[in-house]
Amino acid sequence: ERRREREIDKGIKQDALARAEAERAARRAQGEAEAEEARRAAAQAELDAARKLESAQALLKQRALAQQEESRARAQAAADARRAAEEETRVRADRERAAAEAR
């Protein structure tokens, strides 16, 4: 009878140990899954940040190109205005010369 009780007690203890080990394994697996999820989230955040940086760099490049184009257009407009003023001065001088010769 005592042997039987000891075997039952031993079986109960073994079941408790097995349950405790199973719970530890489940917690360990849960922790590993959470860590993997955190790694995935960190990698996604890194990817998102890289995309935003790339987008910002592209916008800066576009802005720089637009500013260069605007500067070039201003320089071209100034050169055109100078040429027009020079042409107007030549035409006026030619008219004045022609008027002086006509007198």
N, C-alpha and C. Protein backbone atom coordinates (compact mmCIF):
# COMPACT_ATOMS: atom_id res chain seq x y z
N GLU A 1 0.84 -1.20 0.00
CA GLU A 1 0.00 0.00 0.00
C GLU A 1 0.88 1.27 0.00
N ARG A 2 1.89 1.25 0.90
CA ARG A 2 2.79 2.41 0.97
C ARG A 2 3.55 2.59 -0.34
N ARG A 3 3.98 1.44 -0.90
CA ARG A 3 4.71 1.50 -2.17
C ARG A 3 3.80 2.11 -3.24
N ARG A 4 2.57 1.67 -3.22
CA ARG A 4 1.61 2.17 -4.19
C ARG A 4 1.41 3.68 -4.01
N GLU A 5 1.29 4.13 -2.77
CA GLU A 5 1.13 5.56 -2.48
C GLU A 5 2.37 6.33 -2.92
N ARG A 6 3.56 5.76 -2.66
CA ARG A 6 4.79 6.42 -3.08
C ARG A 6 4.83 6.55 -4.61
N GLU A 7 4.40 5.50 -5.31
CA GLU A 7 4.38 5.54 -6.77
C GLU A 7 3.38 6.57 -7.27
N ILE A 8 2.24 6.65 -6.58
CA ILE A 8 1.24 7.67 -6.96
C ILE A 8 1.81 9.06 -6.71
N ASP A 9 2.43 9.24 -5.53
CA ASP A 9 3.06 10.54 -5.22
C ASP A 9 4.15 10.88 -6.24
N LYS A 10 4.94 9.85 -6.56
CA LYS A 10 6.00 10.04 -7.54
C LYS A 10 5.41 10.43 -8.89
N GLY A 11 4.33 9.77 -9.30
CA GLY A 11 3.65 10.10 -10.56
C GLY A 11 3.10 11.52 -10.54
N ILE A 12 2.53 11.93 -9.40
CA ILE A 12 1.99 13.29 -9.27
C ILE A 12 3.13 14.30 -9.41
N LYS A 13 4.27 14.03 -8.71
CA LYS A 13 5.42 14.92 -8.79
C LYS A 13 5.96 14.99 -10.21
N GLN A 14 6.04 13.84 -10.88
CA GLN A 14 6.52 13.83 -12.27
C GLN A 14 5.58 14.61 -13.18
N ASP A 15 4.27 14.45 -12.95
CA ASP A 15 3.30 15.22 -13.75
C ASP A 15 3.48 16.72 -13.50
N ALA A 16 3.66 17.08 -12.23
CA ALA A 16 3.85 18.51 -11.89
C ALA A 16 5.12 19.04 -12.53
N LEU A 17 6.21 18.25 -12.47
CA LEU A 17 7.47 18.67 -13.09
C LEU A 17 7.30 18.80 -14.61
N ALA A 18 6.60 17.84 -15.20
CA ALA A 18 6.38 17.88 -16.66
C ALA A 18 5.54 19.09 -17.03
N ARG A 19 4.50 19.39 -16.21
CA ARG A 19 3.67 20.57 -16.47
C ARG A 19 4.50 21.84 -16.34
N ALA A 20 5.33 21.91 -15.30
CA ALA A 20 6.18 23.09 -15.09
C ALA A 20 7.14 23.27 -16.25
N GLU A 21 7.75 22.16 -16.69
CA GLU A 21 8.67 22.22 -17.84
C GLU A 21 7.92 22.66 -19.10
N ALA A 22 6.72 22.15 -19.30
CA ALA A 22 5.92 22.54 -20.47
C ALA A 22 5.57 24.02 -20.42
N GLU A 23 5.24 24.51 -19.22
CA GLU A 23 4.94 25.94 -19.08
C GLU A 23 6.17 26.80 -19.37
N ARG A 24 7.34 26.35 -18.85
CA ARG A 24 8.58 27.08 -19.13
C ARG A 24 8.87 27.10 -20.63
N ALA A 25 8.67 25.96 -21.28
CA ALA A 25 8.91 25.87 -22.72
C ALA A 25 7.94 26.78 -23.47
N ALA A 26 6.69 26.82 -23.01
CA ALA A 26 5.69 27.68 -23.66
C ALA A 26 6.08 29.15 -23.49
N ARG A 27 6.51 29.52 -22.26
CA ARG A 27 6.93 30.92 -22.02
C ARG A 27 8.16 31.26 -22.86
N ARG A 28 9.09 30.31 -22.95
CA ARG A 28 10.30 30.52 -23.75
C ARG A 28 9.91 30.73 -25.23
N ALA A 29 9.01 29.88 -25.72
CA ALA A 29 8.56 30.00 -27.11
C ALA A 29 7.83 31.32 -27.33
N GLN A 30 7.01 31.72 -26.35
CA GLN A 30 6.29 32.99 -26.44
C GLN A 30 7.29 34.15 -26.48
N GLY A 31 8.31 34.07 -25.60
CA GLY A 31 9.33 35.12 -25.57
C GLY A 31 10.09 35.19 -26.89
N GLU A 32 10.42 34.03 -27.46
CA GLU A 32 11.12 34.02 -28.74
C GLU A 32 10.24 34.59 -29.84
N ALA A 33 8.94 34.26 -29.81
CA ALA A 33 8.02 34.79 -30.81
C ALA A 33 7.90 36.31 -30.68
N GLU A 34 7.81 36.78 -29.43
CA GLU A 34 7.73 38.23 -29.22
C GLU A 34 9.01 38.92 -29.66
N ALA A 35 10.15 38.29 -29.38
CA ALA A 35 11.43 38.87 -29.81
C ALA A 35 11.50 38.92 -31.33
N GLU A 36 11.05 37.86 -31.98
CA GLU A 36 11.06 37.83 -33.46
C GLU A 36 10.13 38.91 -34.01
N GLU A 37 8.97 39.08 -33.38
CA GLU A 37 8.03 40.12 -33.81
C GLU A 37 8.66 41.50 -33.63
N ALA A 38 9.36 41.68 -32.52
CA ALA A 38 10.03 42.97 -32.28
C ALA A 38 11.13 43.20 -33.32
N ARG A 39 11.87 42.14 -33.68
CA ARG A 39 12.90 42.28 -34.72
C ARG A 39 12.26 42.65 -36.05
N ARG A 40 11.14 41.99 -36.36
CA ARG A 40 10.44 42.31 -37.62
C ARG A 40 9.95 43.76 -37.62
N ALA A 41 9.38 44.18 -36.50
CA ALA A 41 8.89 45.57 -36.41
C ALA A 41 10.04 46.56 -36.55
N ALA A 42 11.18 46.25 -35.93
CA ALA A 42 12.35 47.14 -36.03
C ALA A 42 12.84 47.20 -37.47
N ALA A 43 12.87 46.05 -38.14
CA ALA A 43 13.32 46.02 -39.54
C ALA A 43 12.37 46.82 -40.41
N GLN A 44 11.06 46.70 -40.15
CA GLN A 44 10.07 47.46 -40.93
C GLN A 44 10.23 48.95 -40.68
N ALA A 45 10.46 49.33 -39.43
CA ALA A 45 10.65 50.75 -39.10
C ALA A 45 11.90 51.29 -39.81
N GLU A 46 12.93 50.47 -39.85
CA GLU A 46 14.17 50.86 -40.54
C GLU A 46 13.91 51.06 -42.03
N LEU A 47 13.15 50.13 -42.61
CA LEU A 47 12.79 50.24 -44.03
C LEU A 47 11.99 51.51 -44.29
N ASP A 48 11.00 51.76 -43.42
CA ASP A 48 10.17 52.95 -43.58
C ASP A 48 11.01 54.22 -43.49
N ALA A 49 11.93 54.24 -42.53
CA ALA A 49 12.80 55.41 -42.36
C ALA A 49 13.68 55.60 -43.59
N ALA A 50 14.19 54.50 -44.13
CA ALA A 50 15.03 54.60 -45.33
C ALA A 50 14.22 55.14 -46.51
N ARG A 51 12.98 54.68 -46.63
CA ARG A 51 12.12 55.18 -47.73
C ARG A 51 11.84 56.66 -47.57
N LYS A 52 11.56 57.08 -46.33
CA LYS A 52 11.28 58.50 -46.09
C LYS A 52 12.52 59.34 -46.40
N LEU A 53 13.69 58.85 -46.01
CA LEU A 53 14.93 59.56 -46.29
C LEU A 53 15.14 59.67 -47.79
N GLU A 54 14.91 58.56 -48.49
CA GLU A 54 15.07 58.54 -49.95
C GLU A 54 14.12 59.55 -50.59
N SER A 55 12.89 59.57 -50.10
CA SER A 55 11.88 60.50 -50.63
C SER A 55 12.30 61.94 -50.36
N ALA A 56 12.78 62.21 -49.15
CA ALA A 56 13.22 63.56 -48.82
C ALA A 56 14.40 63.98 -49.68
N GLN A 57 15.33 63.05 -49.91
CA GLN A 57 16.49 63.36 -50.76
C GLN A 57 16.04 63.65 -52.18
N ALA A 58 15.06 62.89 -52.68
CA ALA A 58 14.55 63.13 -54.03
C ALA A 58 13.89 64.50 -54.12
N LEU A 59 13.14 64.87 -53.07
CA LEU A 59 12.50 66.19 -53.07
C LEU A 59 13.54 67.31 -53.04
N LEU A 60 14.58 67.11 -52.24
CA LEU A 60 15.65 68.12 -52.18
C LEU A 60 16.34 68.26 -53.53
N LYS A 61 16.56 67.12 -54.19
CA LYS A 61 17.20 67.15 -55.50
C LYS A 61 16.30 67.88 -56.50
N GLN A 62 14.99 67.59 -56.46
CA GLN A 62 14.05 68.27 -57.36
C GLN A 62 14.06 69.77 -57.10
N ARG A 63 14.07 70.13 -55.81
CA ARG A 63 14.08 71.55 -55.46
C ARG A 63 15.34 72.22 -55.97
N ALA A 64 16.48 71.55 -55.81
CA ALA A 64 17.75 72.12 -56.28
C ALA A 64 17.73 72.29 -57.80
N LEU A 65 17.20 71.28 -58.50
CA LEU A 65 17.11 71.39 -59.96
C LEU A 65 16.18 72.52 -60.37
N ALA A 66 15.06 72.67 -59.66
CA ALA A 66 14.13 73.75 -59.97
C ALA A 66 14.78 75.10 -59.73
N GLN A 67 15.55 75.22 -58.64
CA GLN A 67 16.24 76.48 -58.36
C GLN A 67 17.29 76.78 -59.43
N GLN A 68 18.00 75.75 -59.88
CA GLN A 68 18.99 75.94 -60.95
C GLN A 68 18.30 76.41 -62.21
N GLU A 69 17.17 75.79 -62.55
CA GLU A 69 16.43 76.17 -63.75
C GLU A 69 15.92 77.60 -63.64
N GLU A 70 15.41 77.95 -62.46
CA GLU A 70 14.93 79.31 -62.24
C GLU A 70 16.07 80.32 -62.39
N SER A 71 17.23 79.99 -61.84
CA SER A 71 18.40 80.87 -61.93
C SER A 71 18.83 81.02 -63.39
N ARG A 72 18.84 79.89 -64.12
CA ARG A 72 19.20 79.93 -65.53
C ARG A 72 18.21 80.79 -66.32
N ALA A 73 16.93 80.63 -66.01
CA ALA A 73 15.90 81.41 -66.71
C ALA A 73 16.06 82.90 -66.42
N ARG A 74 16.37 83.24 -65.16
CA ARG A 74 16.58 84.66 -64.81
C ARG A 74 17.79 85.23 -65.57
N ALA A 75 18.87 84.45 -65.62
CA ALA A 75 20.07 84.89 -66.33
C ALA A 75 19.76 85.08 -67.81
N GLN A 76 19.00 84.15 -68.38
CA GLN A 76 18.63 84.25 -69.79
C GLN A 76 17.76 85.48 -70.03
N ALA A 77 16.81 85.73 -69.12
CA ALA A 77 15.93 86.91 -69.27
C ALA A 77 16.74 88.20 -69.17
N ALA A 78 17.71 88.22 -68.25
CA ALA A 78 18.55 89.41 -68.12
C ALA A 78 19.39 89.62 -69.38
N ALA A 79 19.94 88.54 -69.93
CA ALA A 79 20.73 88.64 -71.15
C ALA A 79 19.86 89.11 -72.31
N ASP A 80 18.64 88.57 -72.40
CA ASP A 80 17.71 89.00 -73.46
C ASP A 80 17.37 90.47 -73.31
N ALA A 81 17.16 90.93 -72.08
CA ALA A 81 16.83 92.35 -71.84
C ALA A 81 18.01 93.23 -72.23
N ARG A 82 19.24 92.79 -71.89
CA ARG A 82 20.43 93.57 -72.29
C ARG A 82 20.53 93.67 -73.80
N ARG A 83 20.34 92.53 -74.48
CA ARG A 83 20.42 92.55 -75.95
C ARG A 83 19.34 93.45 -76.54
N ALA A 84 18.14 93.40 -75.99
CA ALA A 84 17.05 94.25 -76.49
C ALA A 84 17.38 95.72 -76.28
N ALA A 85 17.95 96.03 -75.11
CA ALA A 85 18.31 97.43 -74.83
C ALA A 85 19.42 97.89 -75.78
N GLU A 86 20.40 97.01 -76.01
CA GLU A 86 21.48 97.36 -76.95
C GLU A 86 20.93 97.57 -78.35
N GLU A 87 20.01 96.70 -78.76
CA GLU A 87 19.40 96.83 -80.09
C GLU A 87 18.61 98.12 -80.18
N GLU A 88 17.88 98.45 -79.14
CA GLU A 88 17.10 99.69 -79.12
C GLU A 88 18.02 100.90 -79.21
N THR A 89 19.14 100.84 -78.51
CA THR A 89 20.13 101.94 -78.56
C THR A 89 20.69 102.08 -79.97
N ARG A 90 21.01 100.94 -80.62
CA ARG A 90 21.52 100.99 -82.00
C ARG A 90 20.48 101.58 -82.96
N VAL A 91 19.25 101.12 -82.80
CA VAL A 91 18.19 101.62 -83.69
C VAL A 91 18.00 103.13 -83.51
N ARG A 92 17.99 103.58 -82.26
CA ARG A 92 17.84 105.01 -81.98
C ARG A 92 19.01 105.79 -82.58
N ALA A 93 20.22 105.28 -82.42
CA ALA A 93 21.41 105.96 -82.96
C ALA A 93 21.32 106.01 -84.49
N ASP A 94 20.88 104.89 -85.11
CA ASP A 94 20.73 104.89 -86.58
C ASP A 94 19.70 105.92 -87.01
N ARG A 95 18.58 106.02 -86.30
CA ARG A 95 17.54 106.99 -86.66
C ARG A 95 18.06 108.42 -86.53
N GLU A 96 18.79 108.66 -85.43
CA GLU A 96 19.33 110.00 -85.21
C GLU A 96 20.34 110.35 -86.30
N ARG A 97 21.17 109.35 -86.69
CA ARG A 97 22.14 109.58 -87.74
C ARG A 97 21.43 109.89 -89.07
N ALA A 98 20.39 109.10 -89.34
CA ALA A 98 19.65 109.29 -90.58
C ALA A 98 18.97 110.66 -90.57
N ALA A 99 18.44 111.06 -89.43
CA ALA A 99 17.77 112.36 -89.34
C ALA A 99 18.81 113.50 -89.54
N ALA A 100 20.00 113.30 -88.96
CA ALA A 100 21.04 114.33 -89.10
C ALA A 100 21.49 114.41 -90.55
N GLU A 101 21.59 113.27 -91.21
CA GLU A 101 22.01 113.29 -92.63
C GLU A 101 20.93 113.92 -93.50
N ALA A 102 19.68 113.73 -93.13
CA ALA A 102 18.58 114.26 -93.91
C ALA A 102 18.53 115.79 -93.80
N ARG A 103 19.01 116.32 -92.71
CA ARG A 103 18.99 117.78 -92.54
C ARG A 103 20.06 118.36 -93.35
